[in-house]
Protein backbone atom coordinates (compact mmCIF):
# COMPACT_ATOMS: atom_id res chain seq x y z
CA UNK A 1 53.01 117.54 -20.69
CA UNK A 2 54.03 114.93 -23.25
CA UNK A 3 57.60 115.03 -21.93
CA UNK A 4 56.35 114.48 -18.37
CA UNK A 5 54.09 111.61 -19.46
CA UNK A 6 56.90 109.90 -21.36
CA UNK A 7 59.25 110.36 -18.40
CA UNK A 8 56.82 108.73 -15.95
CA UNK A 9 56.09 105.87 -18.36
CA UNK A 10 59.81 105.24 -18.93
CA UNK A 11 60.27 105.02 -15.17
CA UNK A 12 57.33 102.62 -14.94
CA UNK A 13 57.90 100.13 -17.81
CA UNK A 14 61.27 98.86 -16.56
CA UNK A 15 60.05 97.80 -13.10
CA UNK A 16 56.77 96.49 -14.56
CA UNK A 17 58.41 94.18 -17.11
CA UNK A 18 61.05 93.15 -14.58
CA UNK A 19 58.45 92.28 -11.93
CA UNK A 20 56.28 90.52 -14.51
CA UNK A 21 59.18 88.35 -15.62
CA UNK A 22 60.37 87.54 -12.10
CA UNK A 23 56.90 86.84 -10.68
CA UNK A 24 55.96 84.63 -13.63
CA UNK A 25 59.21 82.66 -13.38
CA UNK A 26 58.80 82.20 -9.62
CA UNK A 27 55.25 80.88 -10.07
CA UNK A 28 56.32 78.69 -13.01
CA UNK A 29 59.15 77.13 -10.98
CA UNK A 30 56.70 75.96 -8.36
CA UNK A 31 54.83 73.97 -11.01
CA UNK A 32 57.90 73.10 -13.12
CA UNK A 33 59.23 70.75 -10.42
CA UNK A 34 56.00 68.76 -10.54
CA UNK A 35 56.04 68.67 -14.36
CA UNK A 36 59.70 67.62 -14.43
CA UNK A 37 58.93 64.82 -11.98
CA UNK A 38 56.30 63.50 -14.41
CA UNK A 39 58.95 63.33 -17.17
CA UNK A 40 61.86 61.96 -15.12
CA UNK A 41 60.14 59.59 -12.69
CA UNK A 42 56.92 58.70 -14.48
CA UNK A 43 57.97 58.61 -18.10
CA UNK A 44 55.41 61.08 -19.46
CA UNK A 45 56.11 62.36 -23.00
CA UNK A 46 57.87 65.73 -22.85
CA UNK A 47 55.60 67.09 -25.62
CA UNK A 48 52.55 66.50 -23.40
CA UNK A 49 54.36 68.22 -20.52
CA UNK A 50 55.08 71.14 -22.85
CA UNK A 51 51.36 71.44 -23.56
CA UNK A 52 50.57 71.48 -19.83
CA UNK A 53 53.22 74.18 -19.36
CA UNK A 54 51.71 76.37 -22.07
CA UNK A 55 48.22 75.90 -20.61
CA UNK A 56 49.57 77.09 -17.26
CA UNK A 57 50.89 80.47 -18.47
CA UNK A 58 47.55 82.30 -19.06
CA UNK A 59 46.41 81.38 -15.54
CA UNK A 60 49.65 82.70 -14.04
CA UNK A 61 49.42 85.94 -16.05
CA UNK A 62 45.98 86.64 -14.56
CA UNK A 63 47.78 87.09 -11.22
CA UNK A 64 51.26 88.30 -12.19
CA UNK A 65 49.99 91.21 -14.33
CA UNK A 66 48.06 93.00 -11.51
CA UNK A 67 50.78 92.17 -8.96
CA UNK A 68 53.49 93.56 -11.26
CA UNK A 69 51.35 96.64 -11.91
CA UNK A 70 51.21 97.42 -8.19
CA UNK A 71 54.90 96.73 -7.49
CA UNK A 72 56.02 98.79 -10.50
CA UNK A 73 53.87 101.75 -9.43
CA UNK A 74 55.30 101.62 -5.90
CA UNK A 75 58.88 101.47 -7.21
CA UNK A 76 58.39 104.13 -9.90
CA UNK A 77 56.44 106.71 -7.88
CA UNK A 78 58.34 105.89 -4.69
CA UNK A 79 61.61 106.86 -6.41
CA UNK A 80 60.13 110.04 -7.90
CA UNK A 81 58.76 111.00 -4.50
CA UNK A 82 61.95 110.20 -2.53
CA UNK A 83 64.03 112.28 -4.97
CA UNK A 84 61.59 115.19 -4.50
CA UNK A 85 60.80 115.17 -8.21
CA UNK A 86 57.07 115.14 -7.48
CA UNK A 87 57.47 118.23 -5.28
CA UNK A 88 59.38 119.91 -8.13
CA UNK A 89 56.59 119.01 -10.57
CA UNK A 90 53.97 120.41 -8.17
CA UNK A 91 56.05 123.59 -7.74
CA UNK A 92 55.85 124.03 -11.52
CA UNK A 93 52.08 124.27 -11.20
CA UNK A 94 51.34 120.77 -12.52
CA UNK A 95 48.67 118.80 -10.69
CA UNK A 96 49.85 115.49 -9.18
CA UNK A 97 46.98 113.69 -10.89
CA UNK A 98 48.70 114.24 -14.26
CA UNK A 99 51.57 112.06 -13.01
CA UNK A 100 49.22 109.21 -12.05
CA UNK A 101 46.85 109.48 -15.03
CA UNK A 102 49.07 107.59 -17.55
CA UNK A 103 49.38 104.69 -15.10
CA UNK A 104 45.61 104.65 -14.53
CA UNK A 105 45.04 104.47 -18.29
CA UNK A 106 47.52 101.57 -18.61
CA UNK A 107 45.88 99.74 -15.70
CA UNK A 108 42.46 100.14 -17.33
CA UNK A 109 43.76 98.77 -20.64
CA UNK A 110 45.36 95.81 -18.84
CA UNK A 111 42.08 95.24 -16.98
CA UNK A 112 40.26 94.95 -20.31
CA UNK A 113 42.93 92.49 -21.47
CA UNK A 114 42.45 90.43 -18.29
CA UNK A 115 38.70 90.50 -18.91
CA UNK A 116 39.28 88.68 -22.20
CA UNK A 117 41.91 86.42 -20.60
CA UNK A 118 39.69 85.40 -17.66
CA UNK A 119 36.52 84.97 -19.71
CA UNK A 120 37.70 83.52 -23.03
CA UNK A 121 41.22 82.11 -22.77
CA UNK A 122 41.67 80.69 -19.26
CA UNK A 123 38.44 78.57 -19.30
CA UNK A 124 39.51 76.97 -22.59
CA UNK A 125 43.09 76.22 -21.52
CA UNK A 126 41.90 74.98 -18.10
CA UNK A 127 39.57 72.48 -19.78
CA UNK A 128 42.28 71.54 -22.32
CA UNK A 129 44.67 70.95 -19.42
CA UNK A 130 42.21 68.56 -17.78
CA UNK A 131 41.78 66.69 -21.06
CA UNK A 132 45.56 66.41 -21.39
CA UNK A 133 45.78 64.97 -17.87
CA UNK A 134 43.13 62.43 -18.92
CA UNK A 135 45.27 61.60 -21.96
CA UNK A 136 48.22 61.02 -19.64
CA UNK A 137 46.01 58.71 -17.60
CA UNK A 138 45.21 56.62 -20.70
CA UNK A 139 48.80 56.35 -21.91
CA UNK A 140 50.59 56.26 -18.55
CA UNK A 141 48.02 55.62 -15.79
CA UNK A 142 50.48 55.81 -12.87
CA UNK A 143 51.56 59.31 -13.94
CA UNK A 144 48.04 60.63 -13.39
CA UNK A 145 47.79 59.26 -9.86
CA UNK A 146 48.96 60.79 -6.61
CA UNK A 147 50.46 58.61 -3.86
CA UNK A 148 49.02 58.93 -0.37
CA UNK A 149 45.51 59.88 -1.54
CA UNK A 150 42.26 57.99 -2.04
CA UNK A 151 41.51 57.53 -5.75
CA UNK A 152 37.86 56.85 -6.55
CA UNK A 153 37.91 57.58 -10.30
CA UNK A 154 37.46 53.91 -11.16
CA UNK A 155 33.86 52.84 -10.64
CA UNK A 156 33.39 50.41 -7.77
CA UNK A 157 37.01 50.74 -6.59
CA UNK A 158 38.69 53.04 -4.09
CA UNK A 159 42.47 52.81 -4.46
CA UNK A 160 45.14 53.96 -2.02
CA UNK A 161 48.80 53.75 -3.08
CA UNK A 162 51.53 54.57 -0.59
CA UNK A 163 54.37 54.99 -3.10
CA UNK A 164 54.70 55.40 -6.88
CA UNK A 165 58.01 55.15 -8.75
CA UNK A 166 57.64 55.42 -12.51
CA UNK A 167 55.02 52.83 -13.42
CA UNK A 168 55.71 50.76 -10.30
CA UNK A 169 53.30 50.89 -7.37
CA UNK A 170 54.10 49.92 -3.80
CA UNK A 171 51.87 49.08 -0.81
CA UNK A 172 48.50 49.12 -2.55
CA UNK A 173 45.07 49.00 -0.96
CA UNK A 174 41.95 48.50 -3.08
CA UNK A 175 38.54 48.78 -1.45
CA UNK A 176 35.36 47.60 -3.18
CA UNK A 177 32.39 48.80 -1.11
CA UNK A 178 28.98 47.33 -1.86
CA UNK A 179 25.75 48.40 -0.22
CA UNK A 180 24.50 45.93 2.35
CA UNK A 181 27.72 43.91 2.34
CA UNK A 182 31.12 44.17 4.02
CA UNK A 183 33.72 46.05 2.01
CA UNK A 184 35.95 43.78 -0.02
CA UNK A 185 39.66 44.59 0.35
CA UNK A 186 42.63 43.73 -1.88
CA UNK A 187 46.12 44.30 -0.51
CA UNK A 188 49.35 43.98 -2.48
CA UNK A 189 53.01 44.75 -1.84
CA UNK A 190 53.67 45.80 -5.42
CA UNK A 191 51.78 46.55 -8.59
CA UNK A 192 52.00 47.84 -12.12
CA UNK A 193 49.58 49.49 -14.54
CA UNK A 194 49.39 48.11 -18.08
CA UNK A 195 47.72 50.64 -20.40
CA UNK A 196 45.10 49.45 -22.90
CA UNK A 197 44.34 52.76 -24.70
CA UNK A 198 42.57 51.09 -27.64
CA UNK A 199 40.00 49.69 -25.20
CA UNK A 200 40.02 52.82 -22.98
CA UNK A 201 40.94 50.54 -20.11
CA UNK A 202 43.90 49.66 -17.93
CA UNK A 203 45.03 46.36 -16.47
CA UNK A 204 46.37 46.43 -12.94
CA UNK A 205 48.89 43.73 -12.13
CA UNK A 206 49.21 43.09 -8.40
CA UNK A 207 52.07 41.08 -6.84
CA UNK A 208 52.35 39.38 -3.43
CA UNK A 209 49.11 40.17 -1.72
CA UNK A 210 45.79 38.99 -0.45
CA UNK A 211 42.18 39.44 -1.42
CA UNK A 212 38.82 39.01 0.28
CA UNK A 213 36.72 36.44 -1.55
CA UNK A 214 33.02 35.80 -0.83
CA UNK A 215 32.19 32.66 1.11
CA UNK A 216 30.11 30.38 -1.20
CA UNK A 217 27.96 29.30 1.75
CA UNK A 218 27.42 32.83 3.01
CA UNK A 219 28.11 35.55 0.35
CA UNK A 220 27.95 38.28 3.00
CA UNK A 221 31.12 36.89 4.56
CA UNK A 222 34.62 36.82 3.06
CA UNK A 223 37.65 34.62 3.49
CA UNK A 224 41.25 35.68 2.92
CA UNK A 225 43.03 34.40 -0.18
CA UNK A 226 46.73 35.07 -0.81
CA UNK A 227 48.20 35.40 -4.29
CA UNK A 228 51.51 35.80 -6.08
CA UNK A 229 49.95 37.63 -9.03
CA UNK A 230 46.48 39.08 -9.47
CA UNK A 231 45.09 40.99 -12.46
CA UNK A 232 42.28 43.53 -12.54
CA UNK A 233 40.89 45.30 -15.62
CA UNK A 234 39.43 48.76 -15.06
CA UNK A 235 37.24 50.51 -17.61
CA UNK A 236 38.28 54.11 -18.31
CA UNK A 237 35.42 54.88 -20.71
CA UNK A 238 33.15 55.88 -17.85
CA UNK A 239 35.94 57.93 -16.32
CA UNK A 240 36.32 59.83 -19.61
CA UNK A 241 32.61 60.50 -19.76
CA UNK A 242 32.85 62.24 -16.40
CA UNK A 243 35.10 64.93 -17.87
CA UNK A 244 32.39 67.53 -17.92
CA UNK A 245 33.15 71.22 -17.74
CA UNK A 246 33.64 72.61 -14.28
CA UNK A 247 32.72 76.20 -13.43
CA UNK A 248 36.31 77.34 -14.08
CA UNK A 249 36.15 75.77 -17.56
CA UNK A 250 33.17 77.89 -18.61
CA UNK A 251 32.98 81.34 -20.15
CA UNK A 252 30.54 83.92 -18.77
CA UNK A 253 28.17 83.11 -21.64
CA UNK A 254 28.24 79.39 -20.77
CA UNK A 255 27.75 80.14 -17.08
CA UNK A 256 24.67 82.24 -17.86
CA UNK A 257 23.20 79.29 -19.80
CA UNK A 258 23.84 77.08 -16.76
CA UNK A 259 22.06 79.64 -14.58
CA UNK A 260 18.93 79.46 -16.78
CA UNK A 261 19.04 75.65 -16.83
CA UNK A 262 19.38 75.22 -13.06
CA UNK A 263 16.96 78.00 -12.18
CA UNK A 264 14.30 76.10 -14.13
CA UNK A 265 15.04 73.10 -11.88
CA UNK A 266 14.76 75.25 -8.72
CA UNK A 267 18.45 74.72 -7.90
CA UNK A 268 20.52 77.26 -5.96
CA UNK A 269 22.58 79.14 -8.57
CA UNK A 270 24.66 81.28 -6.21
CA UNK A 271 27.88 79.37 -7.07
CA UNK A 272 27.30 80.11 -10.77
CA UNK A 273 26.66 83.82 -10.22
CA UNK A 274 29.69 83.95 -7.92
CA UNK A 275 31.93 82.48 -10.62
CA UNK A 276 30.58 84.95 -13.21
CA UNK A 277 31.34 87.96 -11.03
CA UNK A 278 34.65 86.49 -9.83
CA UNK A 279 35.92 86.41 -13.43
CA UNK A 280 34.75 89.99 -14.03
CA UNK A 281 35.87 91.49 -10.72
CA UNK A 282 39.38 89.98 -10.68
CA UNK A 283 39.95 91.40 -14.16
CA UNK A 284 39.93 94.90 -12.66
CA UNK A 285 42.59 94.13 -10.03
CA UNK A 286 45.22 96.20 -11.96
CA UNK A 287 42.99 99.29 -11.76
CA UNK A 288 42.30 98.71 -8.05
CA UNK A 289 46.01 98.19 -7.33
CA UNK A 290 47.13 101.35 -9.18
CA UNK A 291 44.55 103.54 -7.46
CA UNK A 292 45.57 102.30 -4.01
CA UNK A 293 49.30 101.96 -4.73
CA UNK A 294 50.04 105.25 -6.49
CA UNK A 295 49.08 107.62 -3.63
CA UNK A 296 50.69 105.32 -1.03
CA UNK A 297 53.98 105.43 -2.95
CA UNK A 298 53.87 109.23 -2.94
CA UNK A 299 53.11 109.38 0.78
CA UNK A 300 55.70 106.83 1.95
CA UNK A 301 58.44 108.36 -0.26
CA UNK A 302 60.53 105.19 -0.23
CA UNK A 303 63.20 104.55 -2.84
CA UNK A 304 64.27 101.12 -1.53
CA UNK A 305 62.93 98.25 -3.62
CA UNK A 306 62.71 95.93 -0.59
CA UNK A 307 60.42 98.32 1.31
CA UNK A 308 58.20 98.81 -1.76
CA UNK A 309 58.03 95.04 -2.26
CA UNK A 310 57.05 94.57 1.38
CA UNK A 311 54.29 97.19 1.13
CA UNK A 312 53.17 95.75 -2.20
CA UNK A 313 52.89 92.17 -0.94
CA UNK A 314 50.99 93.37 2.12
CA UNK A 315 48.42 95.08 -0.15
CA UNK A 316 48.26 91.98 -2.39
CA UNK A 317 47.70 89.69 0.62
CA UNK A 318 44.88 91.88 1.93
CA UNK A 319 43.23 92.05 -1.50
CA UNK A 320 43.19 88.32 -2.24
CA UNK A 321 42.29 87.32 1.31
CA UNK A 322 39.27 89.62 1.12
CA UNK A 323 38.34 88.13 -2.27
CA UNK A 324 38.48 84.58 -0.87
CA UNK A 325 36.53 85.50 2.25
CA UNK A 326 33.73 87.26 0.37
CA UNK A 327 33.68 84.50 -2.25
CA UNK A 328 32.95 81.94 0.47
CA UNK A 329 30.16 84.14 1.85
CA UNK A 330 28.75 84.58 -1.65
CA UNK A 331 28.71 80.83 -2.43
CA UNK A 332 26.94 80.17 0.87
CA UNK A 333 24.34 82.87 -0.01
CA UNK A 334 25.28 84.94 3.06
CA UNK A 335 25.65 87.94 0.71
CA UNK A 336 24.71 88.47 -2.93
CA UNK A 337 27.32 87.38 -5.52
CA UNK A 338 27.46 90.87 -7.04
CA UNK A 339 28.34 92.47 -3.72
CA UNK A 340 30.52 89.57 -2.61
CA UNK A 341 32.81 89.60 -5.62
CA UNK A 342 32.92 93.35 -6.24
CA UNK A 343 33.17 94.66 -2.68
CA UNK A 344 36.97 94.25 -2.51
CA UNK A 345 37.40 96.32 -5.68
CA UNK A 346 34.93 98.88 -4.34
CA UNK A 347 36.94 99.20 -1.11
CA UNK A 348 40.29 99.51 -2.89
CA UNK A 349 39.09 101.84 -5.67
CA UNK A 350 37.16 104.16 -3.34
CA UNK A 351 40.01 104.29 -0.80
CA UNK A 352 42.56 104.89 -3.56
CA UNK A 353 40.42 107.58 -5.19
CA UNK A 354 40.09 109.37 -1.85
CA UNK A 355 43.88 109.23 -1.27
CA UNK A 356 44.55 110.55 -4.78
CA UNK A 357 42.08 113.38 -4.19
CA UNK A 358 43.80 114.30 -0.93
CA UNK A 359 47.19 114.13 -2.63
CA UNK A 360 46.11 116.31 -5.53
CA UNK A 361 44.37 119.06 -3.55
CA UNK A 362 46.98 119.26 -0.78
């Protein structure tokens, strides 16, 4: 039996490590372009970008590990099945379950690893990543901004920038709403941020524009004033104070403390419970994927990698779509968070267990 176990594991580890490497690289490349743009076009220090890159990896692994587990099982068992090796093993009087058992054990161990990753590591690196982005905002404000979006991080100002090139801003709109009064608007063709990190503030230099100024005789009305240069100082201290932990930045222990705090205030805590069970349930995706993927690989008997990849990505799509759908229902209190976040695993594990049973007794 040891020889059979080692043989199956040798067939499994190659595809698993290969898929893990490829999937991680593919997901990294999607974010690497954005990080490279911050270095090349916005002048962000490459060391800071390196930190953001390292913070990204644990989050990616939480998805690439279960996905690679499924794809490797489909490739490994699909090949054994297509070459009739599984039939030969069964003819020797060995139960099919003994072929799958080593993979189930590995998936369970990886699920425990993901439990630690999702609960302890990812919340810390997610929060550290947000703090690093804030640091970028202090040293190079333009690098932390996105063109074509409304930016309301600066108190009393809503900024819209059409184009950003390095530290240069183009076609800027600044709105200063005030209750009971018309919204004051500042428009400029160009602009530039001047960082004042020692004061936790930034100075915004605007060029060639116009501003609404209050009419001295009637402060509720404005008149248009054009300018060649206009300077605004924005305080970032209050922005920094807003960097509180989001739900994704908290461990399960911290989330439970938040539950107690908000329950005492009679606040709906469904989002908190949902996040707790989301972290726990997604950790067991490798186990769910192996249990559903292993018997399907034996039934389909496909050796081709492309077919196994297609089947694998179909299963992955169904799994994560169900997770998102039930998560939304859980947050809205349509179903309980426990059921909402665990029902997808229950469906996959029970279906997979039934297929394995049928495969083993047939």
